[in-house]
């Protein structure tokens, strides 16, 4: 009688998590016009006229504001596009991309 071989394969569970999110922050400066900032917020960040005006005023009064929270690639792409548009017009508009503190993966690798 032949001996039957059995193999046990152990499965490892992988935790799937939502990708980390990144916030795009726009900063106030003394040279970029308010109208240009509103235009950037509408065209690049797809804000309504009212949202764009409110964000522009927030930036103007508090020196910076979060204009959106996205996946890393989208955040970098939008910040780069807005910066390029500003440079084409001769404005020193500054935007940065930072990890969102409320990201679901905060502190996990």
PDB file of N, CA and C in Angstrom:
ATOM      1  N   UNK A   1       0.832  -1.168   0.000  1.00  0.00           N
ATOM      2  CA  UNK A   1       0.000   0.000   0.000  1.00  0.00           C
ATOM      3  C   UNK A   1       0.892   1.252   0.000  1.00  0.00           C
ATOM      4  N   UNK A   2       0.638   2.174  -0.925  1.00  0.00           N
ATOM      5  CA  UNK A   2       1.446   3.377  -1.052  1.00  0.00           C
ATOM      6  C   UNK A   2       1.071   4.386   0.020  1.00  0.00           C
ATOM      7  N   UNK A   3       2.102   5.062   0.490  1.00  0.00           N
ATOM      8  CA  UNK A   3       1.879   6.084   1.511  1.00  0.00           C
ATOM      9  C   UNK A   3       1.451   7.386   0.831  1.00  0.00           C
ATOM     10  N   UNK A   4       0.409   7.966   1.324  1.00  0.00           N
ATOM     11  CA  UNK A   4      -0.090   9.216   0.748  1.00  0.00           C
ATOM     12  C   UNK A   4       0.590  10.397   1.432  1.00  0.00           C
ATOM     13  N   UNK A   5       1.130  11.313   0.615  1.00  0.00           N
ATOM     14  CA  UNK A   5       1.779  12.488   1.185  1.00  0.00           C
ATOM     15  C   UNK A   5       0.814  13.666   1.152  1.00  0.00           C
ATOM     16  N   UNK A   6       0.792  14.358   2.229  1.00  0.00           N
ATOM     17  CA  UNK A   6      -0.034  15.563   2.265  1.00  0.00           C
ATOM     18  C   UNK A   6       0.850  16.737   2.655  1.00  0.00           C
ATOM     19  N   UNK A   7       0.574  17.844   2.035  1.00  0.00           N
ATOM     20  CA  UNK A   7       1.304  19.060   2.361  1.00  0.00           C
ATOM     21  C   UNK A   7       0.315  20.091   2.872  1.00  0.00           C
ATOM     22  N   UNK A   8       0.751  20.745   3.864  1.00  0.00           N
ATOM     23  CA  UNK A   8      -0.076  21.827   4.392  1.00  0.00           C
ATOM     24  C   UNK A   8       0.618  23.128   4.034  1.00  0.00           C
ATOM     25  N   UNK A   9      -0.095  23.950   3.365  1.00  0.00           N
ATOM     26  CA  UNK A   9       0.457  25.254   2.996  1.00  0.00           C
ATOM     27  C   UNK A   9      -0.163  26.302   3.908  1.00  0.00           C
ATOM     28  N   UNK A  10       0.690  27.048   4.544  1.00  0.00           N
ATOM     29  CA  UNK A  10       0.196  28.063   5.468  1.00  0.00           C
ATOM     30  C   UNK A  10      -0.045  29.360   4.707  1.00  0.00           C
ATOM     31  N   UNK A  11      -1.207  29.906   4.894  1.00  0.00           N
ATOM     32  CA  UNK A  11      -1.537  31.176   4.248  1.00  0.00           C
ATOM     33  C   UNK A  11      -1.175  32.328   5.169  1.00  0.00           C
ATOM     34  N   UNK A  12      -0.633  33.325   4.561  1.00  0.00           N
ATOM     35  CA  UNK A  12      -0.369  34.546   5.316  1.00  0.00           C
ATOM     36  C   UNK A  12      -1.401  35.573   4.898  1.00  0.00           C
ATOM     37  N   UNK A  13      -2.005  36.159   5.885  1.00  0.00           N
ATOM     38  CA  UNK A  13      -2.994  37.192   5.588  1.00  0.00           C
ATOM     39  C   UNK A  13      -2.291  38.529   5.429  1.00  0.00           C
ATOM     40  N   UNK A  14      -2.655  39.219   4.397  1.00  0.00           N
ATOM     41  CA  UNK A  14      -2.121  40.558   4.196  1.00  0.00           C
ATOM     42  C   UNK A  14      -3.220  41.551   4.518  1.00  0.00           C
ATOM     43  N   UNK A  15      -2.840  42.509   5.301  1.00  0.00           N
ATOM     44  CA  UNK A  15      -3.799  43.563   5.614  1.00  0.00           C
ATOM     45  C   UNK A  15      -3.827  44.546   4.451  1.00  0.00           C
ATOM     46  N   UNK A  16      -4.972  44.735   3.901  1.00  0.00           N
ATOM     47  CA  UNK A  16      -5.108  45.737   2.854  1.00  0.00           C
ATOM     48  C   UNK A  16      -5.574  47.031   3.502  1.00  0.00           C
ATOM     49  N   UNK A  17      -4.917  48.095   3.133  1.00  0.00           N
ATOM     50  CA  UNK A  17      -5.278  49.390   3.692  1.00  0.00           C
ATOM     51  C   UNK A  17      -5.453  50.395   2.556  1.00  0.00           C
ATOM     52  N   UNK A  18      -6.194  51.385   2.886  1.00  0.00           N
ATOM     53  CA  UNK A  18      -6.375  52.470   1.939  1.00  0.00           C
ATOM     54  C   UNK A  18      -5.051  53.213   1.801  1.00  0.00           C
ATOM     55  N   UNK A  19      -4.719  53.688   0.595  1.00  0.00           N
ATOM     56  CA  UNK A  19      -3.459  54.418   0.425  1.00  0.00           C
ATOM     57  C   UNK A  19      -3.450  55.707   1.246  1.00  0.00           C
ATOM     58  N   UNK A  20      -2.284  56.091   1.652  1.00  0.00           N
ATOM     59  CA  UNK A  20      -2.125  57.326   2.419  1.00  0.00           C
ATOM     60  C   UNK A  20      -2.545  58.509   1.562  1.00  0.00           C
ATOM     61  N   UNK A  21      -3.089  59.515   2.183  1.00  0.00           N
ATOM     62  CA  UNK A  21      -3.560  60.708   1.488  1.00  0.00           C
ATOM     63  C   UNK A  21      -2.605  61.866   1.771  1.00  0.00           C
ATOM     64  N   UNK A  22      -2.576  62.811   0.834  1.00  0.00           N
ATOM     65  CA  UNK A  22      -1.684  63.955   0.941  1.00  0.00           C
ATOM     66  C   UNK A  22      -2.462  65.235   0.707  1.00  0.00           C
ATOM     67  N   UNK A  23      -2.117  66.249   1.481  1.00  0.00           N
ATOM     68  CA  UNK A  23      -2.807  67.534   1.334  1.00  0.00           C
ATOM     69  C   UNK A  23      -1.937  68.492   0.526  1.00  0.00           C
ATOM     70  N   UNK A  24      -2.598  69.278  -0.296  1.00  0.00           N
ATOM     71  CA  UNK A  24      -1.924  70.312  -1.073  1.00  0.00           C
ATOM     72  C   UNK A  24      -2.192  71.630  -0.347  1.00  0.00           C
ATOM     73  N   UNK A  25      -1.108  72.319  -0.015  1.00  0.00           N
ATOM     74  CA  UNK A  25      -1.205  73.576   0.725  1.00  0.00           C
ATOM     75  C   UNK A  25      -0.735  74.706  -0.180  1.00  0.00           C
ATOM     76  N   UNK A  26      -1.511  75.776  -0.207  1.00  0.00           N
ATOM     77  CA  UNK A  26      -1.158  76.963  -0.985  1.00  0.00           C
ATOM     78  C   UNK A  26      -0.791  78.065   0.002  1.00  0.00           C
ATOM     79  N   UNK A  27       0.227  78.851  -0.338  1.00  0.00           N
ATOM     80  CA  UNK A  27       0.742  79.886   0.557  1.00  0.00           C
ATOM     81  C   UNK A  27       0.506  81.278  -0.016  1.00  0.00           C
ATOM     82  N   UNK A  28       0.334  82.218   0.879  1.00  0.00           N
ATOM     83  CA  UNK A  28       0.140  83.612   0.508  1.00  0.00           C
ATOM     84  C   UNK A  28       1.485  84.236   0.142  1.00  0.00           C
ATOM     85  N   UNK A  29       1.453  85.166  -0.790  1.00  0.00           N
ATOM     86  CA  UNK A  29       2.625  85.990  -1.088  1.00  0.00           C
ATOM     87  C   UNK A  29       2.126  87.379  -1.468  1.00  0.00           C
ATOM     88  N   UNK A  30       3.046  88.305  -1.576  1.00  0.00           N
ATOM     89  CA  UNK A  30       2.659  89.690  -1.844  1.00  0.00           C
ATOM     90  C   UNK A  30       2.555  90.017  -3.329  1.00  0.00           C
ATOM     91  N   UNK A  31       2.789  89.037  -4.209  1.00  0.00           N
ATOM     92  CA  UNK A  31       2.844  89.339  -5.632  1.00  0.00           C
ATOM     93  C   UNK A  31       1.762  88.658  -6.466  1.00  0.00           C
ATOM     94  N   UNK A  32       1.369  87.461  -6.102  1.00  0.00           N
ATOM     95  CA  UNK A  32       0.349  86.737  -6.868  1.00  0.00           C
ATOM     96  C   UNK A  32      -1.007  87.394  -6.621  1.00  0.00           C
ATOM     97  N   UNK A  33      -1.706  87.703  -7.690  1.00  0.00           N
ATOM     98  CA  UNK A  33      -2.992  88.389  -7.535  1.00  0.00           C
ATOM     99  C   UNK A  33      -4.066  87.437  -7.005  1.00  0.00           C
ATOM    100  N   UNK A  34      -5.036  88.013  -6.331  1.00  0.00           N
ATOM    101  CA  UNK A  34      -6.147  87.233  -5.800  1.00  0.00           C
ATOM    102  C   UNK A  34      -6.925  86.577  -6.939  1.00  0.00           C
ATOM    103  N   UNK A  35      -7.071  87.290  -8.038  1.00  0.00           N
ATOM    104  CA  UNK A  35      -7.801  86.759  -9.188  1.00  0.00           C
ATOM    105  C   UNK A  35      -7.109  85.522  -9.753  1.00  0.00           C
ATOM    106  N   UNK A  36      -5.766  85.564  -9.805  1.00  0.00           N
ATOM    107  CA  UNK A  36      -5.021  84.420 -10.326  1.00  0.00           C
ATOM    108  C   UNK A  36      -5.173  83.212  -9.403  1.00  0.00           C
ATOM    109  N   UNK A  37      -5.135  83.436  -8.099  1.00  0.00           N
ATOM    110  CA  UNK A  37      -5.308  82.344  -7.135  1.00  0.00           C
ATOM    111  C   UNK A  37      -6.688  81.717  -7.307  1.00  0.00           C
ATOM    112  N   UNK A  38      -7.714  82.528  -7.456  1.00  0.00           N
ATOM    113  CA  UNK A  38      -9.076  82.018  -7.664  1.00  0.00           C
ATOM    114  C   UNK A  38      -9.125  81.190  -8.952  1.00  0.00           C
ATOM    115  N   UNK A  39      -8.492  81.677 -10.006  1.00  0.00           N
ATOM    116  CA  UNK A  39      -8.472  80.966 -11.284  1.00  0.00           C
ATOM    117  C   UNK A  39      -7.777  79.604 -11.127  1.00  0.00           C
ATOM    118  N   UNK A  40      -6.656  79.555 -10.423  1.00  0.00           N
ATOM    119  CA  UNK A  40      -5.935  78.300 -10.178  1.00  0.00           C
ATOM    120  C   UNK A  40      -6.833  77.325  -9.396  1.00  0.00           C
ATOM    121  N   UNK A  41      -7.488  77.836  -8.378  1.00  0.00           N
ATOM    122  CA  UNK A  41      -8.348  76.984  -7.557  1.00  0.00           C
ATOM    123  C   UNK A  41      -9.503  76.398  -8.367  1.00  0.00           C
ATOM    124  N   UNK A  42     -10.001  77.165  -9.307  1.00  0.00           N
ATOM    125  CA  UNK A  42     -11.104  76.683 -10.135  1.00  0.00           C
ATOM    126  C   UNK A  42     -10.619  75.719 -11.220  1.00  0.00           C
ATOM    127  N   UNK A  43      -9.560  76.074 -11.910  1.00  0.00           N
ATOM    128  CA  UNK A  43      -9.112  75.281 -13.048  1.00  0.00           C
ATOM    129  C   UNK A  43      -8.333  74.025 -12.649  1.00  0.00           C
ATOM    130  N   UNK A  44      -7.477  74.128 -11.660  1.00  0.00           N
ATOM    131  CA  UNK A  44      -6.631  72.989 -11.287  1.00  0.00           C
ATOM    132  C   UNK A  44      -7.283  72.136 -10.201  1.00  0.00           C
ATOM    133  N   UNK A  45      -7.870  72.804  -9.209  1.00  0.00           N
ATOM    134  CA  UNK A  45      -8.424  72.073  -8.068  1.00  0.00           C
ATOM    135  C   UNK A  45      -9.941  71.894  -8.153  1.00  0.00           C
ATOM    136  N   UNK A  46     -10.515  72.349  -9.265  1.00  0.00           N
ATOM    137  CA  UNK A  46     -11.939  72.154  -9.576  1.00  0.00           C
ATOM    138  C   UNK A  46     -12.883  72.655  -8.482  1.00  0.00           C
ATOM    139  N   UNK A  47     -12.553  73.806  -7.920  1.00  0.00           N
ATOM    140  CA  UNK A  47     -13.407  74.440  -6.909  1.00  0.00           C
ATOM    141  C   UNK A  47     -14.446  75.312  -7.599  1.00  0.00           C
ATOM    142  N   UNK A  48     -15.589  75.439  -6.956  1.00  0.00           N
ATOM    143  CA  UNK A  48     -16.609  76.349  -7.481  1.00  0.00           C
ATOM    144  C   UNK A  48     -16.139  77.783  -7.242  1.00  0.00           C
ATOM    145  N   UNK A  49     -16.811  78.725  -7.862  1.00  0.00           N
ATOM    146  CA  UNK A  49     -16.470  80.151  -7.676  1.00  0.00           C
ATOM    147  C   UNK A  49     -16.497  80.525  -6.199  1.00  0.00           C
ATOM    148  N   UNK A  50     -17.530  80.081  -5.492  1.00  0.00           N
ATOM    149  CA  UNK A  50     -17.684  80.418  -4.073  1.00  0.00           C
ATOM    150  C   UNK A  50     -16.577  79.779  -3.226  1.00  0.00           C
ATOM    151  N   UNK A  51     -16.297  78.492  -3.482  1.00  0.00           N
ATOM    152  CA  UNK A  51     -15.230  77.807  -2.736  1.00  0.00           C
ATOM    153  C   UNK A  51     -13.876  78.459  -3.002  1.00  0.00           C
ATOM    154  N   UNK A  52     -13.626  78.790  -4.261  1.00  0.00           N
ATOM    155  CA  UNK A  52     -12.352  79.404  -4.640  1.00  0.00           C
ATOM    156  C   UNK A  52     -12.177  80.762  -3.957  1.00  0.00           C
ATOM    157  N   UNK A  53     -13.231  81.568  -3.936  1.00  0.00           N
ATOM    158  CA  UNK A  53     -13.165  82.882  -3.274  1.00  0.00           C
ATOM    159  C   UNK A  53     -12.887  82.714  -1.776  1.00  0.00           C
ATOM    160  N   UNK A  54     -13.599  81.770  -1.153  1.00  0.00           N
ATOM    161  CA  UNK A  54     -13.427  81.547   0.292  1.00  0.00           C
ATOM    162  C   UNK A  54     -12.014  81.061   0.605  1.00  0.00           C
ATOM    163  N   UNK A  55     -11.496  80.136  -0.192  1.00  0.00           N
ATOM    164  CA  UNK A  55     -10.130  79.649   0.035  1.00  0.00           C
ATOM    165  C   UNK A  55      -9.096  80.745  -0.191  1.00  0.00           C
ATOM    166  N   UNK A  56      -9.294  81.543  -1.240  1.00  0.00           N
ATOM    167  CA  UNK A  56      -8.367  82.642  -1.514  1.00  0.00           C
ATOM    168  C   UNK A  56      -8.325  83.609  -0.336  1.00  0.00           C
ATOM    169  N   UNK A  57      -9.486  83.930   0.243  1.00  0.00           N
ATOM    170  CA  UNK A  57      -9.523  84.830   1.400  1.00  0.00           C
ATOM    171  C   UNK A  57      -8.874  84.185   2.624  1.00  0.00           C
ATOM    172  N   UNK A  58      -9.061  82.896   2.792  1.00  0.00           N
ATOM    173  CA  UNK A  58      -8.415  82.194   3.907  1.00  0.00           C
ATOM    174  C   UNK A  58      -6.898  82.267   3.770  1.00  0.00           C
ATOM    175  N   UNK A  59      -6.399  82.028   2.566  1.00  0.00           N
ATOM    176  CA  UNK A  59      -4.955  82.119   2.312  1.00  0.00           C
ATOM    177  C   UNK A  59      -4.467  83.544   2.585  1.00  0.00           C
ATOM    178  N   UNK A  60      -5.234  84.501   2.126  1.00  0.00           N
ATOM    179  CA  UNK A  60      -4.855  85.914   2.285  1.00  0.00           C
ATOM    180  C   UNK A  60      -4.761  86.317   3.758  1.00  0.00           C
ATOM    181  N   UNK A  61      -5.674  85.809   4.574  1.00  0.00           N
ATOM    182  CA  UNK A  61      -5.710  86.205   5.984  1.00  0.00           C
ATOM    183  C   UNK A  61      -4.851  85.333   6.899  1.00  0.00           C
ATOM    184  N   UNK A  62      -4.665  84.077   6.558  1.00  0.00           N
ATOM    185  CA  UNK A  62      -3.909  83.202   7.470  1.00  0.00           C
ATOM    186  C   UNK A  62      -2.610  82.661   6.859  1.00  0.00           C
ATOM    187  N   UNK A  63      -2.199  83.215   5.725  1.00  0.00           N
ATOM    188  CA  UNK A  63      -0.934  82.896   5.061  1.00  0.00           C
ATOM    189  C   UNK A  63      -0.862  81.544   4.364  1.00  0.00           C
ATOM    190  N   UNK A  64      -1.793  80.625   4.661  1.00  0.00           N
ATOM    191  CA  UNK A  64      -1.807  79.353   3.929  1.00  0.00           C
ATOM    192  C   UNK A  64      -3.147  78.671   4.140  1.00  0.00           C
ATOM    193  N   UNK A  65      -3.433  77.711   3.251  1.00  0.00           N
ATOM    194  CA  UNK A  65      -4.678  76.940   3.375  1.00  0.00           C
ATOM    195  C   UNK A  65      -4.526  75.627   2.620  1.00  0.00           C
ATOM    196  N   UNK A  66      -5.207  74.607   3.112  1.00  0.00           N
ATOM    197  CA  UNK A  66      -5.257  73.325   2.424  1.00  0.00           C
ATOM    198  C   UNK A  66      -6.296  73.455   1.319  1.00  0.00           C
ATOM    199  N   UNK A  67      -5.889  73.182   0.075  1.00  0.00           N
ATOM    200  CA  UNK A  67      -6.817  73.319  -1.041  1.00  0.00           C
ATOM    201  C   UNK A  67      -7.383  71.987  -1.500  1.00  0.00           C
ATOM    202  N   UNK A  68      -6.836  70.887  -0.991  1.00  0.00           N
ATOM    203  CA  UNK A  68      -7.372  69.579  -1.342  1.00  0.00           C
ATOM    204  C   UNK A  68      -6.554  68.463  -0.733  1.00  0.00           C
ATOM    205  N   UNK A  69      -7.177  67.299  -0.615  1.00  0.00           N
ATOM    206  CA  UNK A  69      -6.512  66.108  -0.089  1.00  0.00           C
ATOM    207  C   UNK A  69      -6.704  65.003  -1.124  1.00  0.00           C
ATOM    208  N   UNK A  70      -5.568  64.442  -1.579  1.00  0.00           N
ATOM    209  CA  UNK A  70      -5.583  63.509  -2.698  1.00  0.00           C
ATOM    210  C   UNK A  70      -4.603  62.366  -2.448  1.00  0.00           C
ATOM    211  N   UNK A  71      -4.600  61.399  -3.370  1.00  0.00           N
ATOM    212  CA  UNK A  71      -3.539  60.401  -3.358  1.00  0.00           C
ATOM    213  C   UNK A  71      -2.238  61.131  -3.715  1.00  0.00           C
ATOM    214  N   UNK A  72      -1.110  60.514  -3.438  1.00  0.00           N
ATOM    215  CA  UNK A  72       0.177  61.187  -3.631  1.00  0.00           C
ATOM    216  C   UNK A  72       0.366  61.670  -5.071  1.00  0.00           C
ATOM    217  N   UNK A  73       0.148  60.808  -6.040  1.00  0.00           N
ATOM    218  CA  UNK A  73       0.382  61.173  -7.443  1.00  0.00           C
ATOM    219  C   UNK A  73      -0.490  62.339  -7.885  1.00  0.00           C
ATOM    220  N   UNK A  74      -1.736  62.327  -7.497  1.00  0.00           N
ATOM    221  CA  UNK A  74      -2.643  63.409  -7.888  1.00  0.00           C
ATOM    222  C   UNK A  74      -2.260  64.708  -7.187  1.00  0.00           C
ATOM    223  N   UNK A  75      -1.905  64.626  -5.905  1.00  0.00           N
ATOM    224  CA  UNK A  75      -1.501  65.835  -5.162  1.00  0.00           C
ATOM    225  C   UNK A  75      -0.276  66.479  -5.811  1.00  0.00           C
ATOM    226  N   UNK A  76       0.724  65.677  -6.127  1.00  0.00           N
ATOM    227  CA  UNK A  76       1.946  66.205  -6.746  1.00  0.00           C
ATOM    228  C   UNK A  76       1.638  66.775  -8.128  1.00  0.00           C
ATOM    229  N   UNK A  77       0.811  66.084  -8.886  1.00  0.00           N
ATOM    230  CA  UNK A  77       0.459  66.539 -10.226  1.00  0.00           C
ATOM    231  C   UNK A  77      -0.260  67.890 -10.190  1.00  0.00           C
ATOM    232  N   UNK A  78      -1.230  68.035  -9.297  1.00  0.00           N
ATOM    233  CA  UNK A  78      -1.981  69.287  -9.199  1.00  0.00           C
ATOM    234  C   UNK A  78      -1.086  70.432  -8.714  1.00  0.00           C
ATOM    235  N   UNK A  79      -0.248  70.164  -7.718  1.00  0.00           N
ATOM    236  CA  UNK A  79       0.656  71.205  -7.207  1.00  0.00           C
ATOM    237  C   UNK A  79       1.643  71.633  -8.298  1.00  0.00           C
ATOM    238  N   UNK A  80       2.160  70.671  -9.054  1.00  0.00           N
ATOM    239  CA  UNK A  80       3.103  70.988 -10.139  1.00  0.00           C
ATOM    240  C   UNK A  80       2.436  71.798 -11.242  1.00  0.00           C
ATOM    241  N   UNK A  81       1.227  71.406 -11.595  1.00  0.00           N
ATOM    242  CA  UNK A  81       0.498  72.121 -12.652  1.00  0.00           C
ATOM    243  C   UNK A  81       0.222  73.566 -12.235  1.00  0.00           C
ATOM    244  N   UNK A  82      -0.232  73.758 -11.001  1.00  0.00           N
ATOM    245  CA  UNK A  82      -0.520  75.116 -10.505  1.00  0.00           C
ATOM    246  C   UNK A  82       0.755  75.955 -10.454  1.00  0.00           C
ATOM    247  N   UNK A  83       1.848  75.348 -10.015  1.00  0.00           N
ATOM    248  CA  UNK A  83       3.122  76.067  -9.942  1.00  0.00           C
ATOM    249  C   UNK A  83       3.590  76.465 -11.346  1.00  0.00           C
ATOM    250  N   UNK A  84       3.478  75.559 -12.294  1.00  0.00           N
ATOM    251  CA  UNK A  84       3.881  75.856 -13.676  1.00  0.00           C
ATOM    252  C   UNK A  84       3.049  76.997 -14.257  1.00  0.00           C
ATOM    253  N   UNK A  85       1.745  76.969 -14.013  1.00  0.00           N
ATOM    254  CA  UNK A  85       0.870  78.039 -14.506  1.00  0.00           C
ATOM    255  C   UNK A  85       1.265  79.382 -13.894  1.00  0.00           C
ATOM    256  N   UNK A  86       1.607  79.364 -12.609  1.00  0.00           N
ATOM    257  CA  UNK A  86       2.018  80.597 -11.930  1.00  0.00           C
ATOM    258  C   UNK A  86       3.323  81.131 -12.518  1.00  0.00           C
ATOM    259  N   UNK A  87       4.277  80.240 -12.762  1.00  0.00           N
ATOM    260  CA  UNK A  87       5.570  80.670 -13.317  1.00  0.00           C
ATOM    261  C   UNK A  87       5.407  81.256 -14.718  1.00  0.00           C
ATOM    262  N   UNK A  88       4.502  80.656 -15.505  1.00  0.00           N
ATOM    263  CA  UNK A  88       4.239  81.179 -16.849  1.00  0.00           C
ATOM    264  C   UNK A  88       3.759  82.620 -16.802  1.00  0.00           C
ATOM    265  N   UNK A  89       3.033  82.958 -15.737  1.00  0.00           N
ATOM    266  CA  UNK A  89       2.507  84.325 -15.587  1.00  0.00           C
ATOM    267  C   UNK A  89       3.440  85.218 -14.770  1.00  0.00           C
ATOM    268  N   UNK A  90       4.554  84.652 -14.299  1.00  0.00           N
ATOM    269  CA  UNK A  90       5.529  85.441 -13.548  1.00  0.00           C
ATOM    270  C   UNK A  90       5.212  85.579 -12.066  1.00  0.00           C
ATOM    271  N   UNK A  91       4.377  84.701 -11.529  1.00  0.00           N
ATOM    272  CA  UNK A  91       4.013  84.758 -10.113  1.00  0.00           C
ATOM    273  C   UNK A  91       4.834  83.749  -9.302  1.00  0.00           C
ATOM    274  N   UNK A  92       5.189  84.117  -8.073  1.00  0.00           N
ATOM    275  CA  UNK A  92       5.962  83.216  -7.210  1.00  0.00           C
ATOM    276  C   UNK A  92       5.093  82.306  -6.336  1.00  0.00           C
ATOM    277  N   UNK A  93       3.878  82.023  -6.762  1.00  0.00           N
ATOM    278  CA  UNK A  93       2.951  81.217  -5.982  1.00  0.00           C
ATOM    279  C   UNK A  93       3.622  79.925  -5.529  1.00  0.00           C
ATOM    280  N   UNK A  94       3.447  79.581  -4.247  1.00  0.00           N
ATOM    281  CA  UNK A  94       4.075  78.382  -3.691  1.00  0.00           C
ATOM    282  C   UNK A  94       3.010  77.417  -3.199  1.00  0.00           C
ATOM    283  N   UNK A  95       3.169  76.164  -3.577  1.00  0.00           N
ATOM    284  CA  UNK A  95       2.300  75.088  -3.107  1.00  0.00           C
ATOM    285  C   UNK A  95       3.192  73.950  -2.630  1.00  0.00           C
ATOM    286  N   UNK A  96       2.751  73.270  -1.576  1.00  0.00           N
ATOM    287  CA  UNK A  96       3.493  72.113  -1.084  1.00  0.00           C
ATOM    288  C   UNK A  96       2.543  70.931  -0.942  1.00  0.00           C
ATOM    289  N   UNK A  97       3.134  69.740  -0.901  1.00  0.00           N
ATOM    290  CA  UNK A  97       2.386  68.505  -0.703  1.00  0.00           C
ATOM    291  C   UNK A  97       2.906  67.876   0.583  1.00  0.00           C
ATOM    292  N   UNK A  98       2.009  67.613   1.521  1.00  0.00           N
ATOM    293  CA  UNK A  98       2.388  67.031   2.808  1.00  0.00           C
ATOM    294  C   UNK A  98       1.453  65.880   3.151  1.00  0.00           C
ATOM    295  N   UNK A  99       1.953  64.889   3.899  1.00  0.00           N
ATOM    296  CA  UNK A  99       1.065  63.802   4.326  1.00  0.00           C
ATOM    297  C   UNK A  99      -0.082  64.365   5.159  1.00  0.00           C
ATOM    298  N   UNK A 100      -1.265  63.813   4.961  1.00  0.00           N
ATOM    299  CA  UNK A 100      -2.429  64.234   5.726  1.00  0.00           C
ATOM    300  C   UNK A 100      -2.361  63.599   7.108  1.00  0.00           C
ATOM    301  N   UNK A 101      -2.418  64.395   8.151  1.00  0.00           N
ATOM    302  CA  UNK A 101      -2.348  63.888   9.527  1.00  0.00           C
ATOM    303  C   UNK A 101      -3.490  62.942   9.847  1.00  0.00           C
ATOM    304  N   UNK A 102      -4.606  63.089   9.154  1.00  0.00           N
ATOM    305  CA  UNK A 102      -5.775  62.246   9.397  1.00  0.00           C
ATOM    306  C   UNK A 102      -5.812  61.037   8.470  1.00  0.00           C
ATOM    307  N   UNK A 103      -4.692  60.782   7.787  1.00  0.00           N
ATOM    308  CA  UNK A 103      -4.630  59.659   6.862  1.00  0.00           C
ATOM    309  C   UNK A 103      -4.872  58.359   7.596  1.00  0.00           C
ATOM    310  N   UNK A 104      -5.614  57.406   7.018  1.00  0.00           N
ATOM    311  CA  UNK A 104      -5.918  56.159   7.701  1.00  0.00           C
ATOM    312  C   UNK A 104      -4.693  55.314   8.019  1.00  0.00           C
ATOM    313  N   UNK A 105      -3.575  55.545   7.336  1.00  0.00           N
ATOM    314  CA  UNK A 105      -2.372  54.752   7.552  1.00  0.00           C
ATOM    315  C   UNK A 105      -1.338  55.462   8.387  1.00  0.00           C
ATOM    316  N   UNK A 106      -1.699  56.526   9.021  1.00  0.00           N
ATOM    317  CA  UNK A 106      -0.754  57.294   9.813  1.00  0.00           C
ATOM    318  C   UNK A 106      -0.068  56.392  10.825  1.00  0.00           C
ATOM    319  N   UNK A 107       1.258  56.419  10.806  1.00  0.00           N
ATOM    320  CA  UNK A 107       2.028  55.646  11.773  1.00  0.00           C
ATOM    321  C   UNK A 107       2.186  54.197  11.401  1.00  0.00           C
ATOM    322  N   UNK A 108       1.656  53.763  10.253  1.00  0.00           N
ATOM    323  CA  UNK A 108       1.798  52.374   9.829  1.00  0.00           C
ATOM    324  C   UNK A 108       2.662  52.329   8.603  1.00  0.00           C
ATOM    325  N   UNK A 109       3.384  51.245   8.429  1.00  0.00           N
ATOM    326  CA  UNK A 109       4.194  51.140   7.223  1.00  0.00           C
ATOM    327  C   UNK A 109       3.748  50.007   6.352  1.00  0.00           C
TER     328      UNK A 109
END
